[in-house]
Structures are given as C-alpha cells and as structure tokens.
PDB file of N, CA and C in Angstrom:
ATOM      1  N   MET A   1     102.600 115.751 104.568  1.00  0.00           N
ATOM      2  CA  MET A   1     103.541 115.755 103.463  1.00  0.00           C
ATOM      3  C   MET A   1     103.799 114.150 103.067  1.00  0.00           C
ATOM      4  N   ASN A   2     103.867 113.861 101.780  1.00  0.00           N
ATOM      5  CA  ASN A   2     103.922 112.491 101.321  1.00  0.00           C
ATOM      6  C   ASN A   2     105.507 112.270 101.500  1.00  0.00           C
ATOM      7  N   ASP A   3     105.901 111.054 101.178  1.00  0.00           N
ATOM      8  CA  ASP A   3     107.337 110.720 101.476  1.00  0.00           C
ATOM      9  C   ASP A   3     108.255 111.245 100.332  1.00  0.00           C
ATOM     10  N   ILE A   4     107.801 111.306  99.127  1.00  0.00           N
ATOM     11  CA  ILE A   4     108.612 111.953  98.086  1.00  0.00           C
ATOM     12  C   ILE A   4     108.867 113.466  98.363  1.00  0.00           C
ATOM     13  N   ALA A   5     107.789 114.075  98.694  1.00  0.00           N
ATOM     14  CA  ALA A   5     107.941 115.561  99.227  1.00  0.00           C
ATOM     15  C   ALA A   5     108.854 115.695 100.236  1.00  0.00           C
ATOM     16  N   LEU A   6     108.768 114.945 101.213  1.00  0.00           N
ATOM     17  CA  LEU A   6     109.698 114.943 102.416  1.00  0.00           C
ATOM     18  C   LEU A   6     111.195 114.762 101.980  1.00  0.00           C
ATOM     19  N   ILE A   7     111.342 113.647 101.198  1.00  0.00           N
ATOM     20  CA  ILE A   7     112.716 113.326 100.634  1.00  0.00           C
ATOM     21  C   ILE A   7     113.261 114.601  99.952  1.00  0.00           C
ATOM     22  N   ARG A   8     112.443 115.144  99.037  1.00  0.00           N
ATOM     23  CA  ARG A   8     112.982 116.326  98.310  1.00  0.00           C
ATOM     24  C   ARG A   8     113.331 117.497  99.041  1.00  0.00           C
ATOM     25  N   GLN A   9     112.529 117.827 100.140  1.00  0.00           N
ATOM     26  CA  GLN A   9     112.620 118.784 101.214  1.00  0.00           C
ATOM     27  C   GLN A   9     114.033 118.654 101.836  1.00  0.00           C
ATOM     28  N   GLU A  10     114.196 117.452 102.345  1.00  0.00           N
ATOM     29  CA  GLU A  10     115.529 117.214 103.071  1.00  0.00           C
ATOM     30  C   GLU A  10     116.699 117.207 102.203  1.00  0.00           C
ATOM     31  N   LEU A  11     116.538 116.675 100.912  1.00  0.00           N
ATOM     32  CA  LEU A  11     117.729 116.791  99.865  1.00  0.00           C
ATOM     33  C   LEU A  11     118.044 118.402  99.663  1.00  0.00           C
ATOM     34  N   SER A  12     116.967 119.012  99.703  1.00  0.00           N
ATOM     35  CA  SER A  12     117.206 120.499  99.354  1.00  0.00           C
ATOM     36  C   SER A  12     117.931 121.223 100.681  1.00  0.00           C
ATOM     37  N   GLU A  13     117.576 120.852 101.674  1.00  0.00           N
ATOM     38  CA  GLU A  13     118.215 121.191 103.015  1.00  0.00           C
ATOM     39  C   GLU A  13     119.500 120.882 103.058  1.00  0.00           C
ATOM     40  N   MET A  14     120.018 119.655 102.758  1.00  0.00           N
ATOM     41  CA  MET A  14     121.383 119.090 102.709  1.00  0.00           C
ATOM     42  C   MET A  14     122.156 119.854 101.582  1.00  0.00           C
ATOM     43  N   ASP A  15     121.449 120.049 100.466  1.00  0.00           N
ATOM     44  CA  ASP A  15     122.224 120.948  99.511  1.00  0.00           C
ATOM     45  C   ASP A  15     122.604 122.305  99.830  1.00  0.00           C
ATOM     46  N   THR A  16     121.758 122.987 100.555  1.00  0.00           N
ATOM     47  CA  THR A  16     121.918 124.273 101.023  1.00  0.00           C
ATOM     48  C   THR A  16     123.010 124.205 102.067  1.00  0.00           C
ATOM     49  N   LEU A  17     122.884 123.186 102.981  1.00  0.00           N
ATOM     50  CA  LEU A  17     123.978 123.099 103.958  1.00  0.00           C
ATOM     51  C   LEU A  17     125.339 122.984 103.540  1.00  0.00           C
ATOM     52  N   PHE A  18     125.442 122.096 102.401  1.00  0.00           N
ATOM     53  CA  PHE A  18     126.886 122.022 101.883  1.00  0.00           C
ATOM     54  C   PHE A  18     127.342 123.192 101.049  1.00  0.00           C
ATOM     55  N   ARG A  19     126.362 123.846 100.556  1.00  0.00           N
ATOM     56  CA  ARG A  19     126.791 124.958  99.651  1.00  0.00           C
ATOM     57  C   ARG A  19     127.347 126.007 100.731  1.00  0.00           C
ATOM     58  N   ASN A  20     126.513 126.061 101.885  1.00  0.00           N
ATOM     59  CA  ASN A  20     127.159 126.983 102.845  1.00  0.00           C
ATOM     60  C   ASN A  20     128.507 126.608 103.475  1.00  0.00           C
ATOM     61  N   VAL A  21     128.734 125.347 103.536  1.00  0.00           N
ATOM     62  CA  VAL A  21     129.960 124.751 104.161  1.00  0.00           C
ATOM     63  C   VAL A  21     130.993 125.134 103.080  1.00  0.00           C
ATOM     64  N   ILE A  22     130.995 125.217 101.713  1.00  0.00           N
ATOM     65  CA  ILE A  22     131.797 125.431 101.007  1.00  0.00           C
ATOM     66  C   ILE A  22     132.211 126.836 100.972  1.00  0.00           C
ATOM     67  N   GLU A  23     131.374 127.785 101.547  1.00  0.00           N
ATOM     68  CA  GLU A  23     131.671 129.249 101.686  1.00  0.00           C
ATOM     69  C   GLU A  23     132.826 129.429 102.808  1.00  0.00           C
ATOM     70  N   PHE A  24     132.956 128.404 103.867  1.00  0.00           N
ATOM     71  CA  PHE A  24     133.994 128.531 104.824  1.00  0.00           C
ATOM     72  C   PHE A  24     135.320 128.121 104.360  1.00  0.00           C
ATOM     73  N   ILE A  25     135.361 127.337 103.383  1.00  0.00           N
ATOM     74  CA  ILE A  25     136.610 126.714 102.891  1.00  0.00           C
ATOM     75  C   ILE A  25     137.391 127.665 102.058  1.00  0.00           C
ATOM     76  N   PRO A  26     138.631 127.980 102.573  1.00  0.00           N
ATOM     77  CA  PRO A  26     139.491 128.900 101.824  1.00  0.00           C
ATOM     78  C   PRO A  26     140.126 128.181 100.715  1.00  0.00           C
ATOM     79  N   SER A  27     140.747 128.833  99.664  1.00  0.00           N
ATOM     80  CA  SER A  27     141.381 128.264  98.601  1.00  0.00           C
ATOM     81  C   SER A  27     142.767 127.703  99.178  1.00  0.00           C
ATOM     82  N   PHE A  28     143.026 126.558  98.644  1.00  0.00           N
ATOM     83  CA  PHE A  28     144.264 125.887  99.335  1.00  0.00           C
ATOM     84  C   PHE A  28     144.896 125.043  98.321  1.00  0.00           C
ATOM     85  N   ASP A  29     146.059 124.736  98.348  1.00  0.00           N
ATOM     86  CA  ASP A  29     146.852 123.912  97.481  1.00  0.00           C
ATOM     87  C   ASP A  29     146.665 122.452  98.013  1.00  0.00           C
ATOM     88  N   ILE A  30     146.299 121.571  97.193  1.00  0.00           N
ATOM     89  CA  ILE A  30     146.042 120.206  97.795  1.00  0.00           C
ATOM     90  C   ILE A  30     147.389 119.433  98.060  1.00  0.00           C
ATOM     91  N   THR A  31     148.547 119.838  97.109  1.00  0.00           N
ATOM     92  CA  THR A  31     149.672 119.151  97.233  1.00  0.00           C
ATOM     93  C   THR A  31     150.646 120.221  97.103  1.00  0.00           C
ATOM     94  N   ASP A  32     151.973 119.910  97.713  1.00  0.00           N
ATOM     95  CA  ASP A  32     153.150 120.640  97.566  1.00  0.00           C
ATOM     96  C   ASP A  32     154.016 120.250  96.434  1.00  0.00           C
ATOM     97  N   PRO A  33     154.238 121.112  95.650  1.00  0.00           N
ATOM     98  CA  PRO A  33     154.945 120.442  94.338  1.00  0.00           C
ATOM     99  C   PRO A  33     156.501 119.910  94.876  1.00  0.00           C
ATOM    100  N   LYS A  34     156.862 120.370  95.876  1.00  0.00           N
ATOM    101  CA  LYS A  34     158.008 119.882  96.425  1.00  0.00           C
ATOM    102  C   LYS A  34     158.060 118.303  96.808  1.00  0.00           C
ATOM    103  N   VAL A  35     156.893 117.947  97.170  1.00  0.00           N
ATOM    104  CA  VAL A  35     156.550 116.581  97.696  1.00  0.00           C
ATOM    105  C   VAL A  35     156.324 115.788  96.504  1.00  0.00           C
ATOM    106  N   LEU A  36     155.165 116.327  95.543  1.00  0.00           N
ATOM    107  CA  LEU A  36     154.784 115.700  94.501  1.00  0.00           C
ATOM    108  C   LEU A  36     154.944 116.564  93.268  1.00  0.00           C
ATOM    109  N   PRO A  37     156.271 116.512  92.724  1.00  0.00           N
ATOM    110  CA  PRO A  37     156.817 117.368  91.699  1.00  0.00           C
ATOM    111  C   PRO A  37     155.922 117.191  90.423  1.00  0.00           C
ATOM    112  N   TYR A  38     155.415 116.030  90.180  1.00  0.00           N
ATOM    113  CA  TYR A  38     154.648 115.670  88.928  1.00  0.00           C
ATOM    114  C   TYR A  38     153.027 115.726  89.236  1.00  0.00           C
ATOM    115  N   GLY A  39     152.699 116.157  90.515  1.00  0.00           N
ATOM    116  CA  GLY A  39     151.219 116.132  90.852  1.00  0.00           C
ATOM    117  C   GLY A  39     150.613 114.901  91.039  1.00  0.00           C
ATOM    118  N   LEU A  40     149.256 114.863  91.227  1.00  0.00           N
ATOM    119  CA  LEU A  40     148.434 113.737  91.282  1.00  0.00           C
ATOM    120  C   LEU A  40     147.625 113.493  90.051  1.00  0.00           C
ATOM    121  N   LYS A  41     147.377 112.422  89.615  1.00  0.00           N
ATOM    122  CA  LYS A  41     146.732 112.144  88.530  1.00  0.00           C
ATOM    123  C   LYS A  41     145.282 112.598  88.906  1.00  0.00           C
ATOM    124  N   SER A  42     144.600 113.163  87.840  1.00  0.00           N
ATOM    125  CA  SER A  42     143.130 113.873  88.082  1.00  0.00           C
ATOM    126  C   SER A  42     142.229 112.719  88.575  1.00  0.00           C
ATOM    127  N   HIS A  43     142.428 111.274  88.195  1.00  0.00           N
ATOM    128  CA  HIS A  43     141.351 110.357  88.598  1.00  0.00           C
ATOM    129  C   HIS A  43     141.798 109.697  89.812  1.00  0.00           C
ATOM    130  N   THR A  44     142.866 110.199  90.643  1.00  0.00           N
ATOM    131  CA  THR A  44     143.288 109.469  91.722  1.00  0.00           C
ATOM    132  C   THR A  44     142.386 109.688  92.721  1.00  0.00           C
ATOM    133  N   ARG A  45     141.874 108.559  93.553  1.00  0.00           N
ATOM    134  CA  ARG A  45     140.983 108.592  94.609  1.00  0.00           C
ATOM    135  C   ARG A  45     141.323 109.354  95.727  1.00  0.00           C
ATOM    136  N   SER A  46     142.705 109.438  96.013  1.00  0.00           N
ATOM    137  CA  SER A  46     143.023 110.138  97.178  1.00  0.00           C
ATOM    138  C   SER A  46     142.736 111.633  97.035  1.00  0.00           C
ATOM    139  N   VAL A  47     142.620 112.010  95.942  1.00  0.00           N
ATOM    140  CA  VAL A  47     142.275 113.603  95.793  1.00  0.00           C
ATOM    141  C   VAL A  47     140.802 113.668  96.262  1.00  0.00           C
ATOM    142  N   SER A  48     139.868 112.984  95.919  1.00  0.00           N
ATOM    143  CA  SER A  48     138.569 113.121  96.466  1.00  0.00           C
ATOM    144  C   SER A  48     138.386 112.739  97.818  1.00  0.00           C
ATOM    145  N   TRP A  49     139.058 111.800  98.457  1.00  0.00           N
ATOM    146  CA  TRP A  49     139.210 111.586  99.760  1.00  0.00           C
ATOM    147  C   TRP A  49     139.569 112.809 100.475  1.00  0.00           C
ATOM    148  N   ILE A  50     140.722 113.430 100.193  1.00  0.00           N
ATOM    149  CA  ILE A  50     141.074 114.676 100.786  1.00  0.00           C
ATOM    150  C   ILE A  50     140.086 115.627 100.778  1.00  0.00           C
ATOM    151  N   VAL A  51     139.446 115.913  99.574  1.00  0.00           N
ATOM    152  CA  VAL A  51     138.404 116.851  99.576  1.00  0.00           C
ATOM    153  C   VAL A  51     137.136 116.603 100.362  1.00  0.00           C
ATOM    154  N   GLU A  52     136.801 115.301 100.590  1.00  0.00           N
ATOM    155  CA  GLU A  52     135.549 114.779 101.339  1.00  0.00           C
ATOM    156  C   GLU A  52     136.090 115.119 102.786  1.00  0.00           C
ATOM    157  N   GLN A  53     137.354 114.927 103.099  1.00  0.00           N
ATOM    158  CA  GLN A  53     137.686 115.131 104.513  1.00  0.00           C
ATOM    159  C   GLN A  53     137.695 116.662 104.870  1.00  0.00           C
ATOM    160  N   VAL A  54     138.092 117.455 103.890  1.00  0.00           N
ATOM    161  CA  VAL A  54     137.934 118.977 104.136  1.00  0.00           C
ATOM    162  C   VAL A  54     136.482 119.355 104.336  1.00  0.00           C
ATOM    163  N   ILE A  55     135.720 118.931 103.493  1.00  0.00           N
ATOM    164  CA  ILE A  55     134.200 119.112 103.607  1.00  0.00           C
ATOM    165  C   ILE A  55     133.524 118.634 104.894  1.00  0.00           C
ATOM    166  N   THR A  56     133.868 117.360 105.152  1.00  0.00           N
ATOM    167  CA  THR A  56     133.265 116.903 106.537  1.00  0.00           C
ATOM    168  C   THR A  56     133.738 117.521 107.814  1.00  0.00           C
ATOM    169  N   GLN A  57     135.034 117.864 107.852  1.00  0.00           N
ATOM    170  CA  GLN A  57     135.643 118.288 108.934  1.00  0.00           C
ATOM    171  C   GLN A  57     135.205 119.905 109.020  1.00  0.00           C
ATOM    172  N   GLN A  58     135.041 120.454 108.113  1.00  0.00           N
ATOM    173  CA  GLN A  58     134.809 122.042 108.069  1.00  0.00           C
ATOM    174  C   GLN A  58     133.261 122.076 108.442  1.00  0.00           C
ATOM    175  N   THR A  59     132.474 120.865 108.074  1.00  0.00           N
ATOM    176  CA  THR A  59     131.015 120.961 108.463  1.00  0.00           C
ATOM    177  C   THR A  59     130.919 120.847 110.022  1.00  0.00           C
ATOM    178  N   LYS A  60     131.778 119.840 110.539  1.00  0.00           N
ATOM    179  CA  LYS A  60     131.827 119.733 112.035  1.00  0.00           C
ATOM    180  C   LYS A  60     132.433 121.007 112.822  1.00  0.00           C
ATOM    181  N   TYR A  61     133.354 121.579 112.149  1.00  0.00           N
ATOM    182  CA  TYR A  61     133.982 122.576 112.779  1.00  0.00           C
ATOM    183  C   TYR A  61     133.040 123.865 112.932  1.00  0.00           C
ATOM    184  N   HIS A  62     132.298 123.973 111.886  1.00  0.00           N
ATOM    185  CA  HIS A  62     131.355 125.293 111.717  1.00  0.00           C
ATOM    186  C   HIS A  62     129.948 124.807 112.073  1.00  0.00           C
ATOM    187  N   ARG A  63     129.705 123.610 112.871  1.00  0.00           N
ATOM    188  CA  ARG A  63     128.399 123.181 113.184  1.00  0.00           C
ATOM    189  C   ARG A  63     127.431 124.196 113.736  1.00  0.00           C
ATOM    190  N   GLU A  64     128.131 125.089 114.637  1.00  0.00           N
ATOM    191  CA  GLU A  64     127.242 126.032 115.511  1.00  0.00           C
ATOM    192  C   GLU A  64     126.783 127.128 114.463  1.00  0.00           C
ATOM    193  N   GLN A  65     127.598 127.546 113.535  1.00  0.00           N
ATOM    194  CA  GLN A  65     127.297 128.593 112.737  1.00  0.00           C
ATOM    195  C   GLN A  65     126.268 128.081 111.462  1.00  0.00           C
ATOM    196  N   LEU A  66     126.269 126.661 111.259  1.00  0.00           N
ATOM    197  CA  LEU A  66     125.380 126.161 110.356  1.00  0.00           C
ATOM    198  C   LEU A  66     124.002 125.548 111.004  1.00  0.00           C
ATOM    199  N   ASN A  67     123.955 125.888 112.252  1.00  0.00           N
ATOM    200  CA  ASN A  67     122.676 125.589 113.104  1.00  0.00           C
ATOM    201  C   ASN A  67     122.463 123.983 113.203  1.00  0.00           C
ATOM    202  N   LEU A  68     123.617 123.317 113.341  1.00  0.00           N
ATOM    203  CA  LEU A  68     123.727 121.836 113.554  1.00  0.00           C
ATOM    204  C   LEU A  68     123.776 121.444 114.862  1.00  0.00           C
ATOM    205  N   GLU A  69     123.017 120.442 115.202  1.00  0.00           N
ATOM    206  CA  GLU A  69     123.162 119.992 116.744  1.00  0.00           C
ATOM    207  C   GLU A  69     124.522 119.297 116.919  1.00  0.00           C
ATOM    208  N   ASP A  70     124.992 118.431 115.993  1.00  0.00           N
ATOM    209  CA  ASP A  70     126.124 117.600 115.990  1.00  0.00           C
ATOM    210  C   ASP A  70     126.562 117.140 114.577  1.00  0.00           C
ATOM    211  N   VAL A  71     127.700 116.874 114.340  1.00  0.00           N
ATOM    212  CA  VAL A  71     128.276 116.327 113.125  1.00  0.00           C
ATOM    213  C   VAL A  71     129.360 115.078 113.566  1.00  0.00           C
ATOM    214  N   ASP A  72     128.999 113.898 113.299  1.00  0.00           N
ATOM    215  CA  ASP A  72     129.932 112.849 113.683  1.00  0.00           C
ATOM    216  C   ASP A  72     130.733 112.462 112.470  1.00  0.00           C
ATOM    217  N   ILE A  73     131.951 112.514 112.468  1.00  0.00           N
ATOM    218  CA  ILE A  73     132.891 112.230 111.326  1.00  0.00           C
ATOM    219  C   ILE A  73     133.906 111.107 111.814  1.00  0.00           C
ATOM    220  N   ASP A  74     133.670 110.469 112.911  1.00  0.00           N
ATOM    221  CA  ASP A  74     134.725 109.567 113.497  1.00  0.00           C
ATOM    222  C   ASP A  74     133.835 108.177 113.129  1.00  0.00           C
ATOM    223  N   LEU A  75     133.794 107.851 112.059  1.00  0.00           N
ATOM    224  CA  LEU A  75     133.291 106.717 111.425  1.00  0.00           C
ATOM    225  C   LEU A  75     134.193 105.707 110.978  1.00  0.00           C
ATOM    226  N   PRO A  76     134.050 104.343 111.076  1.00  0.00           N
ATOM    227  CA  PRO A  76     134.847 103.359 110.490  1.00  0.00           C
ATOM    228  C   PRO A  76     135.241 103.608 109.161  1.00  0.00           C
ATOM    229  N   ASP A  77     136.240 103.082 108.566  1.00  0.00           N
ATOM    230  CA  ASP A  77     136.431 103.057 107.246  1.00  0.00           C
ATOM    231  C   ASP A  77     135.424 102.221 106.350  1.00  0.00           C
ATOM    232  N   THR A  78     134.965 101.324 106.937  1.00  0.00           N
ATOM    233  CA  THR A  78     133.917 100.448 106.301  1.00  0.00           C
ATOM    234  C   THR A  78     132.521 100.951 106.246  1.00  0.00           C
ATOM    235  N   CYS A  79     132.321 102.043 106.816  1.00  0.00           N
ATOM    236  CA  CYS A  79     130.996 102.772 106.962  1.00  0.00           C
ATOM    237  C   CYS A  79     130.463 103.127 105.549  1.00  0.00           C
ATOM    238  N   LEU A  80     129.240 103.113 105.157  1.00  0.00           N
ATOM    239  CA  LEU A  80     128.646 103.530 103.893  1.00  0.00           C
ATOM    240  C   LEU A  80     128.637 104.972 103.886  1.00  0.00           C
ATOM    241  N   HIS A  81     128.640 105.890 104.872  1.00  0.00           N
ATOM    242  CA  HIS A  81     128.466 107.210 104.741  1.00  0.00           C
ATOM    243  C   HIS A  81     129.638 107.864 105.321  1.00  0.00           C
ATOM    244  N   ASP A  82     129.871 109.129 105.079  1.00  0.00           N
ATOM    245  CA  ASP A  82     131.184 109.884 105.518  1.00  0.00           C
ATOM    246  C   ASP A  82     130.915 110.497 106.812  1.00  0.00           C
ATOM    247  N   CYS A  83     129.485 110.911 107.063  1.00  0.00           N
ATOM    248  CA  CYS A  83     129.334 111.646 108.295  1.00  0.00           C
ATOM    249  C   CYS A  83     127.681 111.509 108.635  1.00  0.00           C
ATOM    250  N   GLU A  84     127.590 111.890 109.862  1.00  0.00           N
ATOM    251  CA  GLU A  84     126.164 111.728 110.343  1.00  0.00           C
ATOM    252  C   GLU A  84     125.858 113.253 110.948  1.00  0.00           C
ATOM    253  N   ILE A  85     124.856 113.794 110.409  1.00  0.00           N
ATOM    254  CA  ILE A  85     124.436 115.324 110.669  1.00  0.00           C
ATOM    255  C   ILE A  85     123.255 115.044 111.532  1.00  0.00           C
ATOM    256  N   LYS A  86     123.304 115.673 112.697  1.00  0.00           N
ATOM    257  CA  LYS A  86     122.141 115.916 113.603  1.00  0.00           C
ATOM    258  C   LYS A  86     121.554 117.273 113.475  1.00  0.00           C
ATOM    259  N   LYS A  87     120.288 117.469 112.999  1.00  0.00           N
ATOM    260  CA  LYS A  87     119.594 118.786 112.799  1.00  0.00           C
ATOM    261  C   LYS A  87     118.308 118.497 113.262  1.00  0.00           C
ATOM    262  N   GLU A  88     117.711 119.506 114.201  1.00  0.00           N
ATOM    263  CA  GLU A  88     116.478 119.584 114.611  1.00  0.00           C
ATOM    264  C   GLU A  88     115.842 118.010 114.995  1.00  0.00           C
ATOM    265  N   GLY A  89     116.773 117.235 115.564  1.00  0.00           N
ATOM    266  CA  GLY A  89     116.254 116.109 116.160  1.00  0.00           C
ATOM    267  C   GLY A  89     116.469 114.949 115.124  1.00  0.00           C
ATOM    268  N   LYS A  90     116.802 115.259 113.711  1.00  0.00           N
ATOM    269  CA  LYS A  90     116.834 114.248 112.917  1.00  0.00           C
ATOM    270  C   LYS A  90     118.226 113.958 112.697  1.00  0.00           C
ATOM    271  N   ILE A  91     118.607 112.751 112.163  1.00  0.00           N
ATOM    272  CA  ILE A  91     119.790 112.406 111.961  1.00  0.00           C
ATOM    273  C   ILE A  91     119.911 112.086 110.286  1.00  0.00           C
ATOM    274  N   TYR A  92     120.790 112.634 109.610  1.00  0.00           N
ATOM    275  CA  TYR A  92     121.218 112.668 108.033  1.00  0.00           C
ATOM    276  C   TYR A  92     122.381 111.907 108.002  1.00  0.00           C
ATOM    277  N   PHE A  93     122.415 110.670 107.160  1.00  0.00           N
ATOM    278  CA  PHE A  93     123.418 109.761 106.938  1.00  0.00           C
ATOM    279  C   PHE A  93     124.055 110.323 105.611  1.00  0.00           C
ATOM    280  N   VAL A  94     125.068 111.081 105.604  1.00  0.00           N
ATOM    281  CA  VAL A  94     125.529 111.730 104.370  1.00  0.00           C
ATOM    282  C   VAL A  94     126.754 111.041 103.755  1.00  0.00           C
ATOM    283  N   ASN A  95     126.779 110.766 102.500  1.00  0.00           N
ATOM    284  CA  ASN A  95     128.009 110.364 101.759  1.00  0.00           C
ATOM    285  C   ASN A  95     128.446 111.480 100.815  1.00  0.00           C
ATOM    286  N   VAL A  96     129.535 112.010 101.054  1.00  0.00           N
ATOM    287  CA  VAL A  96     129.945 113.113 100.297  1.00  0.00           C
ATOM    288  C   VAL A  96     130.739 112.501  99.051  1.00  0.00           C
ATOM    289  N   LYS A  97     130.096 113.139  97.744  1.00  0.00           N
ATOM    290  CA  LYS A  97     130.748 112.859  96.658  1.00  0.00           C
ATOM    291  C   LYS A  97     131.202 114.115  95.761  1.00  0.00           C
ATOM    292  N   ILE A  98     132.333 114.001  95.139  1.00  0.00           N
ATOM    293  CA  ILE A  98     132.945 115.011  94.493  1.00  0.00           C
ATOM    294  C   ILE A  98     132.745 114.955  92.916  1.00  0.00           C
ATOM    295  N   THR A  99     132.415 115.826  92.211  1.00  0.00           N
ATOM    296  CA  THR A  99     132.199 115.871  90.801  1.00  0.00           C
ATOM    297  C   THR A  99     132.900 117.162  90.378  1.00  0.00           C
ATOM    298  N   ASN A 100     132.948 117.280  89.093  1.00  0.00           N
ATOM    299  CA  ASN A 100     133.285 118.493  88.364  1.00  0.00           C
ATOM    300  C   ASN A 100     132.071 119.389  88.488  1.00  0.00           C
ATOM    301  N   ALA A 101     132.290 120.763  88.487  1.00  0.00           N
ATOM    302  CA  ALA A 101     131.019 121.681  88.593  1.00  0.00           C
ATOM    303  C   ALA A 101     130.112 121.561  87.468  1.00  0.00           C
ATOM    304  N   GLU A 102     130.381 121.291  86.300  1.00  0.00           N
ATOM    305  CA  GLU A 102     129.380 121.185  85.231  1.00  0.00           C
ATOM    306  C   GLU A 102     128.389 119.953  85.598  1.00  0.00           C
ATOM    307  N   THR A 103     129.111 118.867  85.984  1.00  0.00           N
ATOM    308  CA  THR A 103     128.316 117.797  86.161  1.00  0.00           C
ATOM    309  C   THR A 103     127.440 117.852  87.404  1.00  0.00           C
ATOM    310  N   ARG A 104     128.072 118.487  88.459  1.00  0.00           N
ATOM    311  CA  ARG A 104     127.261 118.770  89.749  1.00  0.00           C
ATOM    312  C   ARG A 104     126.165 119.673  89.457  1.00  0.00           C
ATOM    313  N   ASP A 105     126.327 120.724  88.741  1.00  0.00           N
ATOM    314  CA  ASP A 105     125.315 121.639  88.482  1.00  0.00           C
ATOM    315  C   ASP A 105     124.213 120.828  87.719  1.00  0.00           C
ATOM    316  N   ASN A 106     124.461 120.213  86.736  1.00  0.00           N
ATOM    317  CA  ASN A 106     123.420 119.446  85.981  1.00  0.00           C
ATOM    318  C   ASN A 106     122.669 118.475  86.795  1.00  0.00           C
ATOM    319  N   LYS A 107     123.263 117.811  87.722  1.00  0.00           N
ATOM    320  CA  LYS A 107     122.766 116.861  88.532  1.00  0.00           C
ATOM    321  C   LYS A 107     121.698 117.707  89.556  1.00  0.00           C
ATOM    322  N   MET A 108     122.302 118.732  90.074  1.00  0.00           N
ATOM    323  CA  MET A 108     121.429 119.471  90.979  1.00  0.00           C
ATOM    324  C   MET A 108     120.093 119.958  90.358  1.00  0.00           C
ATOM    325  N   GLU A 109     120.325 120.336  89.237  1.00  0.00           N
ATOM    326  CA  GLU A 109     118.924 120.851  88.481  1.00  0.00           C
ATOM    327  C   GLU A 109     117.977 119.688  88.169  1.00  0.00           C
ATOM    328  N   ALA A 110     118.560 118.546  88.049  1.00  0.00           N
ATOM    329  CA  ALA A 110     117.597 117.381  87.996  1.00  0.00           C
ATOM    330  C   ALA A 110     116.975 116.862  89.070  1.00  0.00           C
ATOM    331  N   ILE A 111     117.503 117.196  90.307  1.00  0.00           N
ATOM    332  CA  ILE A 111     116.730 116.808  91.540  1.00  0.00           C
ATOM    333  C   ILE A 111     115.514 117.645  91.616  1.00  0.00           C
TER     334      ILE A 111
END
C-alpha cells in the first residue's frame, strides 16, 4: 500500500472511530442559564474546548468498547494534539476540531 492510500485508510478509521464516540455522548446542556444568563457567544473558544474535552474523555472512557488499546488525554496545554490513541500497535496523534455539521459533512466528503 502506498503512503497516500495508507493515510486515507487511517483517516477513514479515525473518522469511523469518532463517529462511534459521538454515539456514546448523551444530549447535555453546555451551560446552566443560572450561571450564564446571557449564554456564551457562539464564537467563544471555550465552547469548542469543552466539546473537545467531552469527546476525548468519552473516547478514553469507552476505549474497550471502541477496541482501543489506550487513549492518553493527560497532555500538556502546549501539546499540538488533544489525545494519543493506541490501536493495533499504532499511535495516532489526534487534534479534535469542532465545526458545524454542514461544514464537517462537506469536508468529510472531500477526504
């Protein structure tokens, strides 16, 4: 298998993995209106950070069900990726990014 085909295969595996992680995440309120009566602005980076934390922690928590050997989420804030996933002896360095559904679906079709 050439390098491009391998990269595409591994991207597809990670795409499937994180789509499965999303199935574990229940609906939840990201803020309590009693604490933030005016809500968070839609462009606030903290919203993305919270969602990234939910995704990476759920990935680690459900690692056995996802057939993963390990998920490291205890990385320094200066790290370029959000988690390290070990699967079948390989380590994947994953940087979780949050986009709206329309944008995400369009990007996924382009890969």
